């Protein structure tokens, strides 16, 4: 744990919450293990939301 420098989770409340969650408990042990929301999951959420609209879907299909 002392070598850990970061934490990345998918944003689930049981993982990333500031109090009594996994990231908070790890941070208690190692202050250098900062929490960052996983960017792959963020990108996936953006693409999913974009594909829900016809304008966004058409734009992405045009870029393909």
PDB file of N, CA and C in Angstrom:
ATOM      1  N   UNK A   1       0.812  -1.199   0.000  1.00  0.00           N
ATOM      2  CA  UNK A   1       0.000   0.000   0.000  1.00  0.00           C
ATOM      3  C   UNK A   1       0.856   1.265   0.000  1.00  0.00           C
ATOM      4  N   UNK A   2       2.045   1.201   0.545  1.00  0.00           N
ATOM      5  CA  UNK A   2       2.861   2.417   0.618  1.00  0.00           C
ATOM      6  C   UNK A   2       3.364   2.856  -0.755  1.00  0.00           C
ATOM      7  N   UNK A   3       3.370   1.958  -1.748  1.00  0.00           N
ATOM      8  CA  UNK A   3       3.802   2.318  -3.097  1.00  0.00           C
ATOM      9  C   UNK A   3       2.654   2.824  -3.971  1.00  0.00           C
ATOM     10  N   UNK A   4       1.446   2.719  -3.494  1.00  0.00           N
ATOM     11  CA  UNK A   4       0.271   3.130  -4.259  1.00  0.00           C
ATOM     12  C   UNK A   4       0.261   4.644  -4.437  1.00  0.00           C
ATOM     13  N   UNK A   5       0.047   5.116  -5.679  1.00  0.00           N
ATOM     14  CA  UNK A   5       0.054   6.551  -5.953  1.00  0.00           C
ATOM     15  C   UNK A   5      -1.258   7.066  -6.514  1.00  0.00           C
ATOM     16  N   UNK A   6      -2.180   6.187  -6.802  1.00  0.00           N
ATOM     17  CA  UNK A   6      -3.452   6.639  -7.339  1.00  0.00           C
ATOM     18  C   UNK A   6      -4.489   5.540  -7.292  1.00  0.00           C
ATOM     19  N   UNK A   7      -5.744   5.959  -7.365  1.00  0.00           N
ATOM     20  CA  UNK A   7      -6.864   5.031  -7.390  1.00  0.00           C
ATOM     21  C   UNK A   7      -7.793   5.460  -8.510  1.00  0.00           C
ATOM     22  N   UNK A   8      -8.251   4.524  -9.297  1.00  0.00           N
ATOM     23  CA  UNK A   8      -9.214   4.835 -10.342  1.00  0.00           C
ATOM     24  C   UNK A   8     -10.353   3.834 -10.302  1.00  0.00           C
ATOM     25  N   UNK A   9     -11.561   4.327 -10.158  1.00  0.00           N
ATOM     26  CA  UNK A   9     -12.735   3.469 -10.099  1.00  0.00           C
ATOM     27  C   UNK A   9     -13.767   3.962 -11.093  1.00  0.00           C
ATOM     28  N   UNK A  10     -14.803   3.163 -11.310  1.00  0.00           N
ATOM     29  CA  UNK A  10     -15.818   3.492 -12.300  1.00  0.00           C
ATOM     30  C   UNK A  10     -16.893   4.437 -11.793  1.00  0.00           C
ATOM     31  N   UNK A  11     -16.752   4.957 -10.612  1.00  0.00           N
ATOM     32  CA  UNK A  11     -17.713   5.931 -10.111  1.00  0.00           C
ATOM     33  C   UNK A  11     -18.818   5.342  -9.262  1.00  0.00           C
ATOM     34  N   UNK A  12     -18.775   4.039  -9.018  1.00  0.00           N
ATOM     35  CA  UNK A  12     -19.772   3.438  -8.136  1.00  0.00           C
ATOM     36  C   UNK A  12     -19.676   4.044  -6.745  1.00  0.00           C
ATOM     37  N   UNK A  13     -20.806   4.332  -6.135  1.00  0.00           N
ATOM     38  CA  UNK A  13     -20.786   5.029  -4.850  1.00  0.00           C
ATOM     39  C   UNK A  13     -20.072   4.238  -3.763  1.00  0.00           C
ATOM     40  N   UNK A  14     -20.079   2.919  -3.855  1.00  0.00           N
ATOM     41  CA  UNK A  14     -19.386   2.134  -2.837  1.00  0.00           C
ATOM     42  C   UNK A  14     -17.871   2.190  -3.002  1.00  0.00           C
ATOM     43  N   UNK A  15     -17.402   2.583  -4.174  1.00  0.00           N
ATOM     44  CA  UNK A  15     -15.962   2.665  -4.410  1.00  0.00           C
ATOM     45  C   UNK A  15     -15.431   4.079  -4.223  1.00  0.00           C
ATOM     46  N   UNK A  16     -16.130   5.056  -4.783  1.00  0.00           N
ATOM     47  CA  UNK A  16     -15.575   6.398  -4.854  1.00  0.00           C
ATOM     48  C   UNK A  16     -16.101   7.410  -3.868  1.00  0.00           C
ATOM     49  N   UNK A  17     -17.001   7.029  -2.998  1.00  0.00           N
ATOM     50  CA  UNK A  17     -17.542   7.989  -2.042  1.00  0.00           C
ATOM     51  C   UNK A  17     -16.463   8.537  -1.119  1.00  0.00           C
ATOM     52  N   UNK A  18     -16.662   9.753  -0.635  1.00  0.00           N
ATOM     53  CA  UNK A  18     -15.644  10.411   0.187  1.00  0.00           C
ATOM     54  C   UNK A  18     -15.600   9.890   1.618  1.00  0.00           C
ATOM     55  N   UNK A  19     -16.656   9.232   2.064  1.00  0.00           N
ATOM     56  CA  UNK A  19     -16.710   8.793   3.451  1.00  0.00           C
ATOM     57  C   UNK A  19     -16.986   7.291   3.512  1.00  0.00           C
ATOM     58  N   UNK A  20     -16.155   6.568   4.218  1.00  0.00           N
ATOM     59  CA  UNK A  20     -16.319   5.141   4.512  1.00  0.00           C
ATOM     60  C   UNK A  20     -16.352   4.277   3.246  1.00  0.00           C
ATOM     61  N   UNK A  21     -15.929   4.778   2.151  1.00  0.00           N
ATOM     62  CA  UNK A  21     -15.882   3.999   0.920  1.00  0.00           C
ATOM     63  C   UNK A  21     -14.460   3.506   0.703  1.00  0.00           C
ATOM     64  N   UNK A  22     -14.274   2.677  -0.296  1.00  0.00           N
ATOM     65  CA  UNK A  22     -12.965   2.081  -0.556  1.00  0.00           C
ATOM     66  C   UNK A  22     -11.891   3.148  -0.731  1.00  0.00           C
ATOM     67  N   UNK A  23     -12.161   4.152  -1.562  1.00  0.00           N
ATOM     68  CA  UNK A  23     -11.130   5.166  -1.803  1.00  0.00           C
ATOM     69  C   UNK A  23     -10.795   5.933  -0.538  1.00  0.00           C
ATOM     70  N   UNK A  24     -11.773   6.189   0.309  1.00  0.00           N
ATOM     71  CA  UNK A  24     -11.526   6.912   1.555  1.00  0.00           C
ATOM     72  C   UNK A  24     -10.688   6.073   2.516  1.00  0.00           C
ATOM     73  N   UNK A  25     -10.966   4.794   2.552  1.00  0.00           N
ATOM     74  CA  UNK A  25     -10.220   3.913   3.457  1.00  0.00           C
ATOM     75  C   UNK A  25      -8.774   3.759   3.002  1.00  0.00           C
ATOM     76  N   UNK A  26      -8.569   3.657   1.684  1.00  0.00           N
ATOM     77  CA  UNK A  26      -7.202   3.569   1.165  1.00  0.00           C
ATOM     78  C   UNK A  26      -6.461   4.873   1.434  1.00  0.00           C
ATOM     79  N   UNK A  27      -7.142   5.997   1.258  1.00  0.00           N
ATOM     80  CA  UNK A  27      -6.528   7.299   1.494  1.00  0.00           C
ATOM     81  C   UNK A  27      -6.125   7.477   2.960  1.00  0.00           C
ATOM     82  N   UNK A  28      -6.851   6.863   3.873  1.00  0.00           N
ATOM     83  CA  UNK A  28      -6.471   6.905   5.289  1.00  0.00           C
ATOM     84  C   UNK A  28      -5.121   6.233   5.511  1.00  0.00           C
ATOM     85  N   UNK A  29      -4.863   5.183   4.745  1.00  0.00           N
ATOM     86  CA  UNK A  29      -3.620   4.427   4.883  1.00  0.00           C
ATOM     87  C   UNK A  29      -2.473   5.121   4.156  1.00  0.00           C
ATOM     88  N   UNK A  30      -2.775   5.678   2.976  1.00  0.00           N
ATOM     89  CA  UNK A  30      -1.736   6.287   2.156  1.00  0.00           C
ATOM     90  C   UNK A  30      -2.266   7.579   1.539  1.00  0.00           C
ATOM     91  N   UNK A  31      -1.780   8.713   2.007  1.00  0.00           N
ATOM     92  CA  UNK A  31      -2.255  10.016   1.525  1.00  0.00           C
ATOM     93  C   UNK A  31      -1.861  10.300   0.081  1.00  0.00           C
ATOM     94  N   UNK A  32      -0.913   9.551  -0.463  1.00  0.00           N
ATOM     95  CA  UNK A  32      -0.481   9.760  -1.852  1.00  0.00           C
ATOM     96  C   UNK A  32      -1.373   9.035  -2.858  1.00  0.00           C
ATOM     97  N   UNK A  33      -2.263   8.186  -2.381  1.00  0.00           N
ATOM     98  CA  UNK A  33      -3.130   7.402  -3.262  1.00  0.00           C
ATOM     99  C   UNK A  33      -4.398   8.193  -3.577  1.00  0.00           C
ATOM    100  N   UNK A  34      -4.265   9.200  -4.420  1.00  0.00           N
ATOM    101  CA  UNK A  34      -5.389  10.072  -4.748  1.00  0.00           C
ATOM    102  C   UNK A  34      -6.385   9.369  -5.658  1.00  0.00           C
ATOM    103  N   UNK A  35      -7.651   9.708  -5.493  1.00  0.00           N
ATOM    104  CA  UNK A  35      -8.734   9.103  -6.264  1.00  0.00           C
ATOM    105  C   UNK A  35      -9.012   9.910  -7.527  1.00  0.00           C
ATOM    106  N   UNK A  36      -9.126   9.216  -8.654  1.00  0.00           N
ATOM    107  CA  UNK A  36      -9.501   9.823  -9.930  1.00  0.00           C
ATOM    108  C   UNK A  36     -10.555   8.927 -10.565  1.00  0.00           C
ATOM    109  N   UNK A  37     -11.638   9.533 -11.009  1.00  0.00           N
ATOM    110  CA  UNK A  37     -12.667   8.763 -11.710  1.00  0.00           C
ATOM    111  C   UNK A  37     -12.050   8.234 -12.999  1.00  0.00           C
ATOM    112  N   UNK A  38     -12.251   6.973 -13.286  1.00  0.00           N
ATOM    113  CA  UNK A  38     -11.656   6.319 -14.447  1.00  0.00           C
ATOM    114  C   UNK A  38     -12.081   7.020 -15.744  1.00  0.00           C
ATOM    115  N   UNK A  39     -11.107   7.494 -16.510  1.00  0.00           N
ATOM    116  CA  UNK A  39     -11.414   8.235 -17.728  1.00  0.00           C
ATOM    117  C   UNK A  39     -12.005   7.351 -18.820  1.00  0.00           C
ATOM    118  N   UNK A  40     -11.687   6.068 -18.825  1.00  0.00           N
ATOM    119  CA  UNK A  40     -12.296   5.164 -19.810  1.00  0.00           C
ATOM    120  C   UNK A  40     -13.800   5.080 -19.570  1.00  0.00           C
ATOM    121  N   UNK A  41     -14.206   5.028 -18.314  1.00  0.00           N
ATOM    122  CA  UNK A  41     -15.632   4.987 -18.005  1.00  0.00           C
ATOM    123  C   UNK A  41     -16.302   6.321 -18.329  1.00  0.00           C
ATOM    124  N   UNK A  42     -15.599   7.414 -18.081  1.00  0.00           N
ATOM    125  CA  UNK A  42     -16.163   8.726 -18.428  1.00  0.00           C
ATOM    126  C   UNK A  42     -16.380   8.838 -19.933  1.00  0.00           C
ATOM    127  N   UNK A  43     -15.394   8.411 -20.705  1.00  0.00           N
ATOM    128  CA  UNK A  43     -15.525   8.455 -22.158  1.00  0.00           C
ATOM    129  C   UNK A  43     -16.698   7.589 -22.611  1.00  0.00           C
ATOM    130  N   UNK A  44     -16.832   6.419 -22.028  1.00  0.00           N
ATOM    131  CA  UNK A  44     -17.943   5.536 -22.368  1.00  0.00           C
ATOM    132  C   UNK A  44     -19.281   6.206 -22.069  1.00  0.00           C
ATOM    133  N   UNK A  45     -19.385   6.887 -20.939  1.00  0.00           N
ATOM    134  CA  UNK A  45     -20.624   7.581 -20.587  1.00  0.00           C
ATOM    135  C   UNK A  45     -20.940   8.691 -21.585  1.00  0.00           C
ATOM    136  N   UNK A  46     -19.922   9.415 -22.022  1.00  0.00           N
ATOM    137  CA  UNK A  46     -20.123  10.486 -23.000  1.00  0.00           C
ATOM    138  C   UNK A  46     -20.623   9.913 -24.321  1.00  0.00           C
ATOM    139  N   UNK A  47     -19.999   8.835 -24.783  1.00  0.00           N
ATOM    140  CA  UNK A  47     -20.412   8.223 -26.050  1.00  0.00           C
ATOM    141  C   UNK A  47     -21.837   7.690 -25.942  1.00  0.00           C
ATOM    142  N   UNK A  48     -22.166   7.050 -24.827  1.00  0.00           N
ATOM    143  CA  UNK A  48     -23.529   6.536 -24.644  1.00  0.00           C
ATOM    144  C   UNK A  48     -24.557   7.664 -24.709  1.00  0.00           C
ATOM    145  N   UNK A  49     -24.293   8.755 -24.000  1.00  0.00           N
ATOM    146  CA  UNK A  49     -25.230   9.887 -24.002  1.00  0.00           C
ATOM    147  C   UNK A  49     -25.327  10.518 -25.388  1.00  0.00           C
ATOM    148  N   UNK A  50     -24.201  10.607 -26.089  1.00  0.00           N
ATOM    149  CA  UNK A  50     -24.197  11.181 -27.433  1.00  0.00           C
ATOM    150  C   UNK A  50     -25.024  10.331 -28.385  1.00  0.00           C
ATOM    151  N   UNK A  51     -24.900   9.016 -28.270  1.00  0.00           N
ATOM    152  CA  UNK A  51     -25.618   8.118 -29.171  1.00  0.00           C
ATOM    153  C   UNK A  51     -27.124   8.103 -28.906  1.00  0.00           C
ATOM    154  N   UNK A  52     -27.550   8.605 -27.753  1.00  0.00           N
ATOM    155  CA  UNK A  52     -28.980   8.662 -27.453  1.00  0.00           C
ATOM    156  C   UNK A  52     -29.703   9.710 -28.297  1.00  0.00           C
ATOM    157  N   UNK A  53     -28.976  10.715 -28.767  1.00  0.00           N
ATOM    158  CA  UNK A  53     -29.619  11.745 -29.589  1.00  0.00           C
ATOM    159  C   UNK A  53     -29.304  11.502 -31.060  1.00  0.00           C
ATOM    160  N   UNK A  54     -30.259  11.796 -31.915  1.00  0.00           N
ATOM    161  CA  UNK A  54     -30.051  11.574 -33.348  1.00  0.00           C
ATOM    162  C   UNK A  54     -28.972  12.504 -33.896  1.00  0.00           C
ATOM    163  N   UNK A  55     -28.890  13.723 -33.385  1.00  0.00           N
ATOM    164  CA  UNK A  55     -27.865  14.664 -33.848  1.00  0.00           C
ATOM    165  C   UNK A  55     -26.476  14.135 -33.503  1.00  0.00           C
ATOM    166  N   UNK A  56     -26.302  13.700 -32.270  1.00  0.00           N
ATOM    167  CA  UNK A  56     -25.010  13.154 -31.848  1.00  0.00           C
ATOM    168  C   UNK A  56     -24.653  11.895 -32.607  1.00  0.00           C
ATOM    169  N   UNK A  57     -25.639  11.034 -32.812  1.00  0.00           N
ATOM    170  CA  UNK A  57     -25.408   9.783 -33.548  1.00  0.00           C
ATOM    171  C   UNK A  57     -24.992  10.083 -34.982  1.00  0.00           C
ATOM    172  N   UNK A  58     -25.682  11.016 -35.635  1.00  0.00           N
ATOM    173  CA  UNK A  58     -25.333  11.386 -37.011  1.00  0.00           C
ATOM    174  C   UNK A  58     -23.936  11.990 -37.088  1.00  0.00           C
ATOM    175  N   UNK A  59     -23.590  12.804 -36.102  1.00  0.00           N
ATOM    176  CA  UNK A  59     -22.260  13.408 -36.075  1.00  0.00           C
ATOM    177  C   UNK A  59     -21.182  12.338 -35.966  1.00  0.00           C
ATOM    178  N   UNK A  60     -21.365  11.398 -35.035  1.00  0.00           N
ATOM    179  CA  UNK A  60     -20.364  10.348 -34.870  1.00  0.00           C
ATOM    180  C   UNK A  60     -20.277   9.448 -36.102  1.00  0.00           C
ATOM    181  N   UNK A  61     -21.396   9.182 -36.735  1.00  0.00           N
ATOM    182  CA  UNK A  61     -21.379   8.347 -37.940  1.00  0.00           C
ATOM    183  C   UNK A  61     -20.689   9.075 -39.094  1.00  0.00           C
ATOM    184  N   UNK A  62     -20.823  10.398 -39.143  1.00  0.00           N
ATOM    185  CA  UNK A  62     -20.153  11.189 -40.175  1.00  0.00           C
ATOM    186  C   UNK A  62     -18.640  11.143 -39.982  1.00  0.00           C
ATOM    187  N   UNK A  63     -18.199  11.181 -38.729  1.00  0.00           N
ATOM    188  CA  UNK A  63     -16.766  11.143 -38.433  1.00  0.00           C
ATOM    189  C   UNK A  63     -16.157   9.783 -38.722  1.00  0.00           C
ATOM    190  N   UNK A  64     -16.973   8.761 -38.690  1.00  0.00           N
ATOM    191  CA  UNK A  64     -16.488   7.403 -38.922  1.00  0.00           C
ATOM    192  C   UNK A  64     -16.168   7.254 -40.377  1.00  0.00           C
TER     193      UNK A  64
END
